[in-house]
Amino acid sequence: MFAIHNTFPKEMAVIGRLLVDYGELEVDLMNCVQVARAFDLNGTLKAMFRVRGETNRIDVADGLGRIAYVVANLDVEFDGIILPYGNA
């Protein structure tokens, strides 16, 4: 353990939770997109995780899921999730 762990234990705990939970957020986004794509888990998984970097994955998720969410009249909700993080 480094000295900084003892100096800022609360902050280190928050950073640790963020790092661990971030992967879950990407998987949650993938699940939202694959359900909108008629449960195409295989295609969605391969497309989203083929690219490196979270912004690229968000952009791919946007491209894969936008039409389905617009058709379902959920584009405002989809934008609320995608736009703050992606390049759309």
PDB file of N, CA and C in Angstrom:
ATOM      1  N   MET A   1       0.833  -1.184   0.000  1.00  0.00           N
ATOM      2  CA  MET A   1       0.000   0.000   0.000  1.00  0.00           C
ATOM      3  C   MET A   1       0.876   1.245   0.000  1.00  0.00           C
ATOM      4  N   PHE A   2       0.396   2.262  -0.685  1.00  0.00           N
ATOM      5  CA  PHE A   2       1.126   3.518  -0.747  1.00  0.00           C
ATOM      6  C   PHE A   2       0.694   4.433   0.393  1.00  0.00           C
ATOM      7  N   ALA A   3       1.526   5.396   0.715  1.00  0.00           N
ATOM      8  CA  ALA A   3       1.222   6.331   1.808  1.00  0.00           C
ATOM      9  C   ALA A   3      -0.063   7.112   1.545  1.00  0.00           C
ATOM     10  N   ILE A   4      -0.346   7.384   0.285  1.00  0.00           N
ATOM     11  CA  ILE A   4      -1.545   8.151  -0.042  1.00  0.00           C
ATOM     12  C   ILE A   4      -2.819   7.410   0.368  1.00  0.00           C
ATOM     13  N   HIS A   5      -2.769   6.087   0.393  1.00  0.00           N
ATOM     14  CA  HIS A   5      -3.944   5.317   0.811  1.00  0.00           C
ATOM     15  C   HIS A   5      -4.299   5.613   2.257  1.00  0.00           C
ATOM     16  N   ASN A   6      -3.315   5.814   3.085  1.00  0.00           N
ATOM     17  CA  ASN A   6      -3.570   6.140   4.491  1.00  0.00           C
ATOM     18  C   ASN A   6      -3.932   7.603   4.674  1.00  0.00           C
ATOM     19  N   THR A   7      -3.428   8.464   3.798  1.00  0.00           N
ATOM     20  CA  THR A   7      -3.692   9.897   3.915  1.00  0.00           C
ATOM     21  C   THR A   7      -5.113  10.237   3.497  1.00  0.00           C
ATOM     22  N   PHE A   8      -5.610   9.595   2.455  1.00  0.00           N
ATOM     23  CA  PHE A   8      -6.943   9.881   1.924  1.00  0.00           C
ATOM     24  C   PHE A   8      -7.763   8.600   1.781  1.00  0.00           C
ATOM     25  N   PRO A   9      -8.092   7.931   2.879  1.00  0.00           N
ATOM     26  CA  PRO A   9      -8.790   6.639   2.759  1.00  0.00           C
ATOM     27  C   PRO A   9     -10.199   6.753   2.176  1.00  0.00           C
ATOM     28  N   LYS A  10     -10.926   7.808   2.516  1.00  0.00           N
ATOM     29  CA  LYS A  10     -12.297   7.952   1.982  1.00  0.00           C
ATOM     30  C   LYS A  10     -12.270   8.204   0.479  1.00  0.00           C
ATOM     31  N   GLU A  11     -11.354   9.061   0.053  1.00  0.00           N
ATOM     32  CA  GLU A  11     -11.242   9.360  -1.361  1.00  0.00           C
ATOM     33  C   GLU A  11     -10.807   8.129  -2.154  1.00  0.00           C
ATOM     34  N   MET A  12      -9.904   7.355  -1.584  1.00  0.00           N
ATOM     35  CA  MET A  12      -9.446   6.143  -2.253  1.00  0.00           C
ATOM     36  C   MET A  12     -10.587   5.131  -2.394  1.00  0.00           C
ATOM     37  N   ALA A  13     -11.458   5.078  -1.410  1.00  0.00           N
ATOM     38  CA  ALA A  13     -12.604   4.168  -1.476  1.00  0.00           C
ATOM     39  C   ALA A  13     -13.558   4.586  -2.596  1.00  0.00           C
ATOM     40  N   VAL A  14     -13.783   5.893  -2.731  1.00  0.00           N
ATOM     41  CA  VAL A  14     -14.662   6.398  -3.789  1.00  0.00           C
ATOM     42  C   VAL A  14     -14.066   6.084  -5.159  1.00  0.00           C
ATOM     43  N   ILE A  15     -12.786   6.335  -5.325  1.00  0.00           N
ATOM     44  CA  ILE A  15     -12.128   6.058  -6.596  1.00  0.00           C
ATOM     45  C   ILE A  15     -12.197   4.563  -6.918  1.00  0.00           C
ATOM     46  N   GLY A  16     -11.997   3.743  -5.930  1.00  0.00           N
ATOM     47  CA  GLY A  16     -12.083   2.293  -6.141  1.00  0.00           C
ATOM     48  C   GLY A  16     -13.460   1.863  -6.594  1.00  0.00           C
ATOM     49  N   ARG A  17     -14.513   2.423  -5.967  1.00  0.00           N
ATOM     50  CA  ARG A  17     -15.877   2.080  -6.370  1.00  0.00           C
ATOM     51  C   ARG A  17     -16.164   2.540  -7.793  1.00  0.00           C
ATOM     52  N   LEU A  18     -15.684   3.730  -8.156  1.00  0.00           N
ATOM     53  CA  LEU A  18     -15.887   4.225  -9.516  1.00  0.00           C
ATOM     54  C   LEU A  18     -15.234   3.305 -10.542  1.00  0.00           C
ATOM     55  N   LEU A  19     -14.025   2.889 -10.257  1.00  0.00           N
ATOM     56  CA  LEU A  19     -13.313   2.016 -11.186  1.00  0.00           C
ATOM     57  C   LEU A  19     -14.004   0.671 -11.349  1.00  0.00           C
ATOM     58  N   VAL A  20     -14.481   0.133 -10.254  1.00  0.00           N
ATOM     59  CA  VAL A  20     -15.141  -1.174 -10.302  1.00  0.00           C
ATOM     60  C   VAL A  20     -16.505  -1.074 -10.973  1.00  0.00           C
ATOM     61  N   ASP A  21     -17.253  -0.019 -10.676  1.00  0.00           N
ATOM     62  CA  ASP A  21     -18.614   0.112 -11.188  1.00  0.00           C
ATOM     63  C   ASP A  21     -18.681   0.559 -12.635  1.00  0.00           C
ATOM     64  N   TYR A  22     -17.615   1.150 -13.169  1.00  0.00           N
ATOM     65  CA  TYR A  22     -17.686   1.667 -14.536  1.00  0.00           C
ATOM     66  C   TYR A  22     -17.966   0.561 -15.543  1.00  0.00           C
ATOM     67  N   GLY A  23     -17.349  -0.578 -15.368  1.00  0.00           N
ATOM     68  CA  GLY A  23     -17.608  -1.701 -16.265  1.00  0.00           C
ATOM     69  C   GLY A  23     -19.063  -2.118 -16.255  1.00  0.00           C
ATOM     70  N   GLU A  24     -19.698  -2.045 -15.094  1.00  0.00           N
ATOM     71  CA  GLU A  24     -21.111  -2.385 -15.001  1.00  0.00           C
ATOM     72  C   GLU A  24     -21.967  -1.408 -15.789  1.00  0.00           C
ATOM     73  N   LEU A  25     -21.590  -0.139 -15.806  1.00  0.00           N
ATOM     74  CA  LEU A  25     -22.344   0.855 -16.574  1.00  0.00           C
ATOM     75  C   LEU A  25     -22.274   0.554 -18.068  1.00  0.00           C
ATOM     76  N   GLU A  26     -21.100   0.149 -18.550  1.00  0.00           N
ATOM     77  CA  GLU A  26     -20.972  -0.203 -19.961  1.00  0.00           C
ATOM     78  C   GLU A  26     -21.834  -1.418 -20.303  1.00  0.00           C
ATOM     79  N   VAL A  27     -21.860  -2.389 -19.426  1.00  0.00           N
ATOM     80  CA  VAL A  27     -22.685  -3.582 -19.662  1.00  0.00           C
ATOM     81  C   VAL A  27     -24.165  -3.219 -19.606  1.00  0.00           C
ATOM     82  N   ASP A  28     -24.549  -2.334 -18.701  1.00  0.00           N
ATOM     83  CA  ASP A  28     -25.947  -1.883 -18.639  1.00  0.00           C
ATOM     84  C   ASP A  28     -26.357  -1.185 -19.937  1.00  0.00           C
ATOM     85  N   LEU A  29     -25.472  -0.327 -20.457  1.00  0.00           N
ATOM     86  CA  LEU A  29     -25.761   0.346 -21.720  1.00  0.00           C
ATOM     87  C   LEU A  29     -25.894  -0.678 -22.844  1.00  0.00           C
ATOM     88  N   MET A  30     -24.998  -1.651 -22.881  1.00  0.00           N
ATOM     89  CA  MET A  30     -25.065  -2.690 -23.895  1.00  0.00           C
ATOM     90  C   MET A  30     -26.402  -3.435 -23.815  1.00  0.00           C
ATOM     91  N   ASN A  31     -26.855  -3.734 -22.609  1.00  0.00           N
ATOM     92  CA  ASN A  31     -28.129  -4.441 -22.452  1.00  0.00           C
ATOM     93  C   ASN A  31     -29.305  -3.597 -22.925  1.00  0.00           C
ATOM     94  N   CYS A  32     -29.279  -2.304 -22.651  1.00  0.00           N
ATOM     95  CA  CYS A  32     -30.351  -1.425 -23.136  1.00  0.00           C
ATOM     96  C   CYS A  32     -30.403  -1.415 -24.659  1.00  0.00           C
ATOM     97  N   VAL A  33     -29.244  -1.369 -25.280  1.00  0.00           N
ATOM     98  CA  VAL A  33     -29.185  -1.334 -26.736  1.00  0.00           C
ATOM     99  C   VAL A  33     -29.595  -2.682 -27.325  1.00  0.00           C
ATOM    100  N   GLN A  34     -29.126  -3.779 -26.743  1.00  0.00           N
ATOM    101  CA  GLN A  34     -29.447  -5.084 -27.325  1.00  0.00           C
ATOM    102  C   GLN A  34     -30.923  -5.421 -27.189  1.00  0.00           C
ATOM    103  N   VAL A  35     -31.574  -4.965 -26.151  1.00  0.00           N
ATOM    104  CA  VAL A  35     -33.023  -5.188 -26.022  1.00  0.00           C
ATOM    105  C   VAL A  35     -33.762  -4.399 -27.098  1.00  0.00           C
ATOM    106  N   ALA A  36     -33.318  -3.170 -27.338  1.00  0.00           N
ATOM    107  CA  ALA A  36     -33.957  -2.349 -28.373  1.00  0.00           C
ATOM    108  C   ALA A  36     -33.716  -2.921 -29.763  1.00  0.00           C
ATOM    109  N   ARG A  37     -32.670  -3.712 -29.921  1.00  0.00           N
ATOM    110  CA  ARG A  37     -32.340  -4.337 -31.212  1.00  0.00           C
ATOM    111  C   ARG A  37     -32.878  -5.765 -31.286  1.00  0.00           C
ATOM    112  N   ALA A  38     -34.019  -6.001 -30.712  1.00  0.00           N
ATOM    113  CA  ALA A  38     -34.674  -7.312 -30.740  1.00  0.00           C
ATOM    114  C   ALA A  38     -33.811  -8.382 -30.084  1.00  0.00           C
ATOM    115  N   PHE A  39     -33.210  -8.018 -28.966  1.00  0.00           N
ATOM    116  CA  PHE A  39     -32.414  -8.941 -28.148  1.00  0.00           C
ATOM    117  C   PHE A  39     -31.219  -9.516 -28.909  1.00  0.00           C
ATOM    118  N   ASP A  40     -30.578  -8.690 -29.723  1.00  0.00           N
ATOM    119  CA  ASP A  40     -29.388  -9.117 -30.473  1.00  0.00           C
ATOM    120  C   ASP A  40     -28.147  -8.917 -29.605  1.00  0.00           C
ATOM    121  N   LEU A  41     -27.998  -9.763 -28.611  1.00  0.00           N
ATOM    122  CA  LEU A  41     -26.867  -9.650 -27.689  1.00  0.00           C
ATOM    123  C   LEU A  41     -25.543  -9.876 -28.408  1.00  0.00           C
ATOM    124  N   ASN A  42     -25.472 -10.887 -29.254  1.00  0.00           N
ATOM    125  CA  ASN A  42     -24.223 -11.218 -29.926  1.00  0.00           C
ATOM    126  C   ASN A  42     -23.705 -10.056 -30.778  1.00  0.00           C
ATOM    127  N   GLY A  43     -24.557  -9.518 -31.626  1.00  0.00           N
ATOM    128  CA  GLY A  43     -24.147  -8.416 -32.495  1.00  0.00           C
ATOM    129  C   GLY A  43     -23.815  -7.152 -31.729  1.00  0.00           C
ATOM    130  N   THR A  44     -24.617  -6.843 -30.714  1.00  0.00           N
ATOM    131  CA  THR A  44     -24.388  -5.638 -29.915  1.00  0.00           C
ATOM    132  C   THR A  44     -23.094  -5.748 -29.123  1.00  0.00           C
ATOM    133  N   LEU A  45     -22.888  -6.882 -28.503  1.00  0.00           N
ATOM    134  CA  LEU A  45     -21.668  -7.105 -27.722  1.00  0.00           C
ATOM    135  C   LEU A  45     -20.425  -6.970 -28.589  1.00  0.00           C
ATOM    136  N   LYS A  46     -20.437  -7.634 -29.736  1.00  0.00           N
ATOM    137  CA  LYS A  46     -19.265  -7.593 -30.616  1.00  0.00           C
ATOM    138  C   LYS A  46     -19.007  -6.190 -31.152  1.00  0.00           C
ATOM    139  N   ALA A  47     -20.059  -5.482 -31.504  1.00  0.00           N
ATOM    140  CA  ALA A  47     -19.884  -4.139 -32.056  1.00  0.00           C
ATOM    141  C   ALA A  47     -19.381  -3.153 -30.997  1.00  0.00           C
ATOM    142  N   MET A  48     -19.972  -3.198 -29.819  1.00  0.00           N
ATOM    143  CA  MET A  48     -19.598  -2.222 -28.789  1.00  0.00           C
ATOM    144  C   MET A  48     -18.208  -2.468 -28.228  1.00  0.00           C
ATOM    145  N   PHE A  49     -17.840  -3.702 -28.037  1.00  0.00           N
ATOM    146  CA  PHE A  49     -16.566  -3.992 -27.381  1.00  0.00           C
ATOM    147  C   PHE A  49     -15.441  -4.302 -28.371  1.00  0.00           C
ATOM    148  N   ARG A  50     -15.709  -4.109 -29.653  1.00  0.00           N
ATOM    149  CA  ARG A  50     -14.654  -4.213 -30.661  1.00  0.00           C
ATOM    150  C   ARG A  50     -13.733  -2.998 -30.570  1.00  0.00           C
ATOM    151  N   VAL A  51     -14.310  -1.856 -30.219  1.00  0.00           N
ATOM    152  CA  VAL A  51     -13.546  -0.610 -30.133  1.00  0.00           C
ATOM    153  C   VAL A  51     -13.015  -0.405 -28.724  1.00  0.00           C
ATOM    154  N   ARG A  52     -11.943   0.353 -28.621  1.00  0.00           N
ATOM    155  CA  ARG A  52     -11.365   0.667 -27.314  1.00  0.00           C
ATOM    156  C   ARG A  52     -11.817   2.054 -26.886  1.00  0.00           C
ATOM    157  N   GLY A  53     -12.000   2.216 -25.595  1.00  0.00           N
ATOM    158  CA  GLY A  53     -12.333   3.519 -25.041  1.00  0.00           C
ATOM    159  C   GLY A  53     -13.817   3.704 -24.834  1.00  0.00           C
ATOM    160  N   GLU A  54     -14.143   4.328 -23.720  1.00  0.00           N
ATOM    161  CA  GLU A  54     -15.553   4.473 -23.357  1.00  0.00           C
ATOM    162  C   GLU A  54     -16.312   5.402 -24.302  1.00  0.00           C
ATOM    163  N   THR A  55     -15.694   6.483 -24.766  1.00  0.00           N
ATOM    164  CA  THR A  55     -16.397   7.380 -25.678  1.00  0.00           C
ATOM    165  C   THR A  55     -16.719   6.679 -26.982  1.00  0.00           C
ATOM    166  N   ASN A  56     -15.793   5.891 -27.482  1.00  0.00           N
ATOM    167  CA  ASN A  56     -16.053   5.131 -28.716  1.00  0.00           C
ATOM    168  C   ASN A  56     -17.185   4.136 -28.507  1.00  0.00           C
ATOM    169  N   ARG A  57     -17.223   3.483 -27.356  1.00  0.00           N
ATOM    170  CA  ARG A  57     -18.306   2.517 -27.086  1.00  0.00           C
ATOM    171  C   ARG A  57     -19.654   3.217 -26.996  1.00  0.00           C
ATOM    172  N   ILE A  58     -19.667   4.384 -26.383  1.00  0.00           N
ATOM    173  CA  ILE A  58     -20.920   5.143 -26.292  1.00  0.00           C
ATOM    174  C   ILE A  58     -21.380   5.560 -27.684  1.00  0.00           C
ATOM    175  N   ASP A  59     -20.444   5.974 -28.518  1.00  0.00           N
ATOM    176  CA  ASP A  59     -20.799   6.355 -29.893  1.00  0.00           C
ATOM    177  C   ASP A  59     -21.351   5.164 -30.673  1.00  0.00           C
ATOM    178  N   VAL A  60     -20.756   3.995 -30.505  1.00  0.00           N
ATOM    179  CA  VAL A  60     -21.257   2.787 -31.169  1.00  0.00           C
ATOM    180  C   VAL A  60     -22.649   2.445 -30.643  1.00  0.00           C
ATOM    181  N   ALA A  61     -22.835   2.517 -29.331  1.00  0.00           N
ATOM    182  CA  ALA A  61     -24.153   2.242 -28.745  1.00  0.00           C
ATOM    183  C   ALA A  61     -25.201   3.209 -29.279  1.00  0.00           C
ATOM    184  N   ASP A  62     -24.814   4.459 -29.443  1.00  0.00           N
ATOM    185  CA  ASP A  62     -25.719   5.460 -30.004  1.00  0.00           C
ATOM    186  C   ASP A  62     -26.121   5.070 -31.424  1.00  0.00           C
ATOM    187  N   GLY A  63     -25.157   4.698 -32.223  1.00  0.00           N
ATOM    188  CA  GLY A  63     -25.450   4.302 -33.596  1.00  0.00           C
ATOM    189  C   GLY A  63     -26.311   3.055 -33.687  1.00  0.00           C
ATOM    190  N   LEU A  64     -26.079   2.118 -32.794  1.00  0.00           N
ATOM    191  CA  LEU A  64     -26.837   0.868 -32.823  1.00  0.00           C
ATOM    192  C   LEU A  64     -28.259   1.023 -32.289  1.00  0.00           C
ATOM    193  N   GLY A  65     -28.438   1.858 -31.287  1.00  0.00           N
ATOM    194  CA  GLY A  65     -29.721   1.907 -30.597  1.00  0.00           C
ATOM    195  C   GLY A  65     -30.637   3.062 -30.922  1.00  0.00           C
ATOM    196  N   ARG A  66     -30.116   4.129 -31.522  1.00  0.00           N
ATOM    197  CA  ARG A  66     -30.912   5.350 -31.705  1.00  0.00           C
ATOM    198  C   ARG A  66     -32.211   5.107 -32.479  1.00  0.00           C
ATOM    199  N   ILE A  67     -32.143   4.436 -33.600  1.00  0.00           N
ATOM    200  CA  ILE A  67     -33.350   4.255 -34.423  1.00  0.00           C
ATOM    201  C   ILE A  67     -34.427   3.492 -33.658  1.00  0.00           C
ATOM    202  N   ALA A  68     -34.035   2.445 -32.965  1.00  0.00           N
ATOM    203  CA  ALA A  68     -35.014   1.661 -32.200  1.00  0.00           C
ATOM    204  C   ALA A  68     -35.656   2.494 -31.096  1.00  0.00           C
ATOM    205  N   TYR A  69     -34.882   3.343 -30.451  1.00  0.00           N
ATOM    206  CA  TYR A  69     -35.449   4.184 -29.400  1.00  0.00           C
ATOM    207  C   TYR A  69     -36.328   5.286 -29.970  1.00  0.00           C
ATOM    208  N   VAL A  70     -36.000   5.812 -31.133  1.00  0.00           N
ATOM    209  CA  VAL A  70     -36.853   6.814 -31.779  1.00  0.00           C
ATOM    210  C   VAL A  70     -38.183   6.182 -32.175  1.00  0.00           C
ATOM    211  N   VAL A  71     -38.130   4.989 -32.760  1.00  0.00           N
ATOM    212  CA  VAL A  71     -39.349   4.281 -33.160  1.00  0.00           C
ATOM    213  C   VAL A  71     -40.234   4.004 -31.945  1.00  0.00           C
ATOM    214  N   ALA A  72     -39.616   3.688 -30.812  1.00  0.00           N
ATOM    215  CA  ALA A  72     -40.376   3.411 -29.585  1.00  0.00           C
ATOM    216  C   ALA A  72     -40.781   4.690 -28.855  1.00  0.00           C
ATOM    217  N   ASN A  73     -40.499   5.845 -29.468  1.00  0.00           N
ATOM    218  CA  ASN A  73     -40.810   7.144 -28.881  1.00  0.00           C
ATOM    219  C   ASN A  73     -40.094   7.362 -27.541  1.00  0.00           C
ATOM    220  N   LEU A  74     -38.874   6.842 -27.454  1.00  0.00           N
ATOM    221  CA  LEU A  74     -38.054   7.001 -26.254  1.00  0.00           C
ATOM    222  C   LEU A  74     -36.767   7.767 -26.561  1.00  0.00           C
ATOM    223  N   ASP A  75     -36.803   8.560 -27.621  1.00  0.00           N
ATOM    224  CA  ASP A  75     -35.583   9.268 -28.024  1.00  0.00           C
ATOM    225  C   ASP A  75     -35.141  10.305 -27.002  1.00  0.00           C
ATOM    226  N   VAL A  76     -36.066  10.941 -26.314  1.00  0.00           N
ATOM    227  CA  VAL A  76     -35.693  11.926 -25.291  1.00  0.00           C
ATOM    228  C   VAL A  76     -34.951  11.244 -24.147  1.00  0.00           C
ATOM    229  N   GLU A  77     -35.447  10.106 -23.718  1.00  0.00           N
ATOM    230  CA  GLU A  77     -34.791   9.360 -22.655  1.00  0.00           C
ATOM    231  C   GLU A  77     -33.419   8.844 -23.106  1.00  0.00           C
ATOM    232  N   PHE A  78     -33.342   8.370 -24.345  1.00  0.00           N
ATOM    233  CA  PHE A  78     -32.080   7.876 -24.889  1.00  0.00           C
ATOM    234  C   PHE A  78     -31.070   9.013 -24.977  1.00  0.00           C
ATOM    235  N   ASP A  79     -31.509  10.172 -25.442  1.00  0.00           N
ATOM    236  CA  ASP A  79     -30.626  11.337 -25.496  1.00  0.00           C
ATOM    237  C   ASP A  79     -30.132  11.736 -24.123  1.00  0.00           C
ATOM    238  N   GLY A  80     -30.982  11.601 -23.123  1.00  0.00           N
ATOM    239  CA  GLY A  80     -30.589  11.948 -21.754  1.00  0.00           C
ATOM    240  C   GLY A  80     -29.442  11.105 -21.235  1.00  0.00           C
ATOM    241  N   ILE A  81     -29.326   9.902 -21.753  1.00  0.00           N
ATOM    242  CA  ILE A  81     -28.236   9.013 -21.347  1.00  0.00           C
ATOM    243  C   ILE A  81     -27.022   9.193 -22.239  1.00  0.00           C
ATOM    244  N   ILE A  82     -27.220   9.256 -23.538  1.00  0.00           N
ATOM    245  CA  ILE A  82     -26.114   9.238 -24.496  1.00  0.00           C
ATOM    246  C   ILE A  82     -25.438  10.604 -24.653  1.00  0.00           C
ATOM    247  N   LEU A  83     -26.191  11.646 -24.834  1.00  0.00           N
ATOM    248  CA  LEU A  83     -25.609  12.941 -25.212  1.00  0.00           C
ATOM    249  C   LEU A  83     -24.612  13.519 -24.208  1.00  0.00           C
ATOM    250  N   PRO A  84     -24.829  13.381 -22.898  1.00  0.00           N
ATOM    251  CA  PRO A  84     -23.823  13.962 -21.989  1.00  0.00           C
ATOM    252  C   PRO A  84     -22.453  13.300 -22.098  1.00  0.00           C
ATOM    253  N   TYR A  85     -22.363  12.106 -22.649  1.00  0.00           N
ATOM    254  CA  TYR A  85     -21.114  11.343 -22.638  1.00  0.00           C
ATOM    255  C   TYR A  85     -20.518  11.100 -24.009  1.00  0.00           C
ATOM    256  N   GLY A  86     -21.344  11.036 -25.042  1.00  0.00           N
ATOM    257  CA  GLY A  86     -20.832  10.701 -26.365  1.00  0.00           C
ATOM    258  C   GLY A  86     -20.526  11.931 -27.192  1.00  0.00           C
ATOM    259  N   ASN A  87     -20.269  11.695 -28.464  1.00  0.00           N
ATOM    260  CA  ASN A  87     -19.954  12.773 -29.394  1.00  0.00           C
ATOM    261  C   ASN A  87     -21.111  13.091 -30.307  1.00  0.00           C
ATOM    262  N   ALA A  88     -22.283  12.559 -30.015  1.00  0.00           N
ATOM    263  CA  ALA A  88     -23.441  12.740 -30.912  1.00  0.00           C
ATOM    264  C   ALA A  88     -23.922  14.167 -30.924  1.00  0.00           C
TER     265      ALA A  88
END
